[in-house]
Amino acid sequence: MPQLFLLAAVGAVAWLGYKRFVSEAERVNARVRDAEKETRTGAQGTLIEDPETGEYRLRKPDE
């Protein structure tokens, strides 16, 4: 019976690790696509509108 609990715990950790890996890969892939698009169009950044002030500013890397 203890082997079953150990196997279940290892399986749960592996599943959570896999999900974390996939989400990180998607985040990195999106950043690379954005960088490629900026390079292709010759842009030096992406402007986003601040909803409170209505002014445009450069998007920060973590947004």
N, C-alpha and C. Protein backbone atom coordinates (compact mmCIF):
# COMPACT_ATOMS: atom_id res chain seq x y z
N MET A 1 0.81 -1.20 0.00
CA MET A 1 0.00 0.00 0.00
C MET A 1 0.86 1.28 0.00
N PRO A 2 1.96 1.33 0.76
CA PRO A 2 2.79 2.55 0.72
C PRO A 2 3.36 2.81 -0.67
N GLN A 3 3.62 1.74 -1.43
CA GLN A 3 4.14 1.92 -2.79
C GLN A 3 3.11 2.64 -3.66
N LEU A 4 1.85 2.35 -3.43
CA LEU A 4 0.79 2.99 -4.20
C LEU A 4 0.75 4.50 -3.91
N PHE A 5 0.87 4.86 -2.65
CA PHE A 5 0.90 6.28 -2.29
C PHE A 5 2.12 6.98 -2.89
N LEU A 6 3.25 6.31 -2.83
CA LEU A 6 4.47 6.89 -3.40
C LEU A 6 4.33 7.06 -4.91
N LEU A 7 3.79 6.07 -5.57
CA LEU A 7 3.58 6.15 -7.02
C LEU A 7 2.59 7.27 -7.36
N ALA A 8 1.53 7.41 -6.57
CA ALA A 8 0.56 8.49 -6.81
C ALA A 8 1.20 9.85 -6.59
N ALA A 9 2.03 9.98 -5.57
CA ALA A 9 2.71 11.26 -5.31
C ALA A 9 3.67 11.60 -6.43
N VAL A 10 4.43 10.62 -6.90
CA VAL A 10 5.37 10.86 -8.01
C VAL A 10 4.60 11.23 -9.26
N GLY A 11 3.50 10.59 -9.53
CA GLY A 11 2.68 10.90 -10.69
C GLY A 11 2.11 12.32 -10.61
N ALA A 12 1.66 12.72 -9.43
CA ALA A 12 1.11 14.06 -9.26
C ALA A 12 2.18 15.13 -9.47
N VAL A 13 3.37 14.89 -8.93
CA VAL A 13 4.47 15.85 -9.12
C VAL A 13 4.87 15.92 -10.58
N ALA A 14 4.92 14.78 -11.24
CA ALA A 14 5.28 14.78 -12.67
C ALA A 14 4.23 15.53 -13.49
N TRP A 15 2.97 15.33 -13.18
CA TRP A 15 1.89 16.00 -13.91
C TRP A 15 1.96 17.51 -13.70
N LEU A 16 2.16 17.95 -12.45
CA LEU A 16 2.27 19.38 -12.17
C LEU A 16 3.50 19.98 -12.86
N GLY A 17 4.60 19.26 -12.86
CA GLY A 17 5.80 19.73 -13.54
C GLY A 17 5.58 19.87 -15.03
N TYR A 18 4.90 18.92 -15.61
CA TYR A 18 4.60 18.97 -17.04
C TYR A 18 3.72 20.17 -17.37
N LYS A 19 2.68 20.41 -16.56
CA LYS A 19 1.79 21.55 -16.80
C LYS A 19 2.55 22.86 -16.68
N ARG A 20 3.43 22.95 -15.70
CA ARG A 20 4.24 24.17 -15.51
C ARG A 20 5.17 24.37 -16.70
N PHE A 21 5.78 23.29 -17.19
CA PHE A 21 6.67 23.36 -18.34
C PHE A 21 5.93 23.84 -19.58
N VAL A 22 4.75 23.33 -19.82
CA VAL A 22 3.96 23.71 -20.99
C VAL A 22 3.56 25.18 -20.92
N SER A 23 3.13 25.65 -19.76
CA SER A 23 2.73 27.05 -19.65
C SER A 23 3.94 27.98 -19.83
N GLU A 24 5.10 27.60 -19.33
CA GLU A 24 6.30 28.41 -19.52
C GLU A 24 6.71 28.42 -20.99
N ALA A 25 6.60 27.28 -21.66
CA ALA A 25 6.95 27.21 -23.08
C ALA A 25 6.02 28.09 -23.91
N GLU A 26 4.74 28.13 -23.58
CA GLU A 26 3.80 28.99 -24.30
C GLU A 26 4.13 30.46 -24.08
N ARG A 27 4.51 30.83 -22.84
CA ARG A 27 4.86 32.21 -22.55
C ARG A 27 6.10 32.64 -23.34
N VAL A 28 7.11 31.78 -23.36
CA VAL A 28 8.34 32.09 -24.09
C VAL A 28 8.06 32.16 -25.58
N ASN A 29 7.25 31.26 -26.08
CA ASN A 29 6.91 31.24 -27.50
C ASN A 29 6.19 32.53 -27.90
N ALA A 30 5.30 33.03 -27.05
CA ALA A 30 4.60 34.28 -27.36
C ALA A 30 5.57 35.45 -27.39
N ARG A 31 6.52 35.48 -26.48
CA ARG A 31 7.51 36.57 -26.49
C ARG A 31 8.38 36.52 -27.74
N VAL A 32 8.75 35.32 -28.17
CA VAL A 32 9.57 35.19 -29.38
C VAL A 32 8.78 35.63 -30.60
N ARG A 33 7.50 35.25 -30.69
CA ARG A 33 6.65 35.68 -31.81
C ARG A 33 6.54 37.20 -31.85
N ASP A 34 6.35 37.83 -30.69
CA ASP A 34 6.26 39.29 -30.64
C ASP A 34 7.56 39.93 -31.09
N ALA A 35 8.69 39.39 -30.66
CA ALA A 35 9.99 39.94 -31.05
C ALA A 35 10.21 39.78 -32.55
N GLU A 36 9.82 38.64 -33.11
CA GLU A 36 9.95 38.43 -34.56
C GLU A 36 9.08 39.41 -35.33
N LYS A 37 7.87 39.65 -34.84
CA LYS A 37 6.97 40.58 -35.52
C LYS A 37 7.55 42.00 -35.47
N GLU A 38 8.11 42.39 -34.33
CA GLU A 38 8.72 43.72 -34.23
C GLU A 38 9.91 43.84 -35.18
N THR A 39 10.71 42.78 -35.29
CA THR A 39 11.85 42.80 -36.20
C THR A 39 11.39 42.89 -37.65
N ARG A 40 10.35 42.14 -37.99
CA ARG A 40 9.85 42.10 -39.36
C ARG A 40 9.27 43.45 -39.78
N THR A 41 8.59 44.13 -38.84
CA THR A 41 7.97 45.40 -39.19
C THR A 41 8.87 46.60 -38.95
N GLY A 42 10.00 46.38 -38.28
CA GLY A 42 10.91 47.47 -37.99
C GLY A 42 10.50 48.30 -36.79
N ALA A 43 9.57 47.80 -36.00
CA ALA A 43 9.12 48.53 -34.81
C ALA A 43 10.17 48.45 -33.72
N GLN A 44 10.14 49.42 -32.82
CA GLN A 44 11.07 49.43 -31.70
C GLN A 44 10.36 49.15 -30.39
N GLY A 45 9.16 48.71 -30.45
CA GLY A 45 8.36 48.39 -29.27
C GLY A 45 6.90 48.39 -29.62
N THR A 46 6.08 47.98 -28.68
CA THR A 46 4.64 47.93 -28.89
C THR A 46 3.98 48.95 -27.99
N LEU A 47 3.16 49.81 -28.56
CA LEU A 47 2.45 50.80 -27.78
C LEU A 47 1.13 50.23 -27.30
N ILE A 48 0.81 50.53 -26.03
CA ILE A 48 -0.49 50.16 -25.48
C ILE A 48 -1.08 51.40 -24.83
N GLU A 49 -2.39 51.49 -24.83
CA GLU A 49 -3.07 52.65 -24.28
C GLU A 49 -3.36 52.42 -22.81
N ASP A 50 -3.05 53.40 -21.99
CA ASP A 50 -3.37 53.36 -20.57
C ASP A 50 -4.85 53.72 -20.43
N PRO A 51 -5.68 52.82 -19.90
CA PRO A 51 -7.11 53.09 -19.85
C PRO A 51 -7.48 54.26 -18.93
N GLU A 52 -6.66 54.55 -17.93
CA GLU A 52 -6.99 55.63 -17.00
C GLU A 52 -6.68 57.00 -17.58
N THR A 53 -5.51 57.15 -18.21
CA THR A 53 -5.11 58.46 -18.71
C THR A 53 -5.38 58.65 -20.18
N GLY A 54 -5.50 57.55 -20.93
CA GLY A 54 -5.71 57.64 -22.37
C GLY A 54 -4.42 57.86 -23.15
N GLU A 55 -3.29 57.88 -22.46
CA GLU A 55 -2.00 58.07 -23.12
C GLU A 55 -1.42 56.73 -23.53
N TYR A 56 -0.61 56.78 -24.57
CA TYR A 56 0.05 55.58 -25.04
C TYR A 56 1.44 55.49 -24.43
N ARG A 57 1.88 54.26 -24.16
CA ARG A 57 3.21 54.03 -23.62
C ARG A 57 3.73 52.71 -24.17
N LEU A 58 5.02 52.50 -24.03
CA LEU A 58 5.61 51.24 -24.48
C LEU A 58 5.19 50.12 -23.54
N ARG A 59 4.91 48.97 -24.12
CA ARG A 59 4.55 47.81 -23.32
C ARG A 59 5.79 47.30 -22.60
N LYS A 60 5.63 47.00 -21.33
CA LYS A 60 6.73 46.45 -20.54
C LYS A 60 6.88 44.97 -20.87
N PRO A 61 8.07 44.39 -20.68
CA PRO A 61 8.28 42.98 -21.03
C PRO A 61 7.39 42.00 -20.25
N ASP A 62 6.96 42.36 -19.06
CA ASP A 62 6.16 41.44 -18.26
C ASP A 62 4.66 41.58 -18.49
N GLU A 63 4.24 42.41 -19.44
CA GLU A 63 2.81 42.60 -19.71
C GLU A 63 2.36 41.71 -20.83
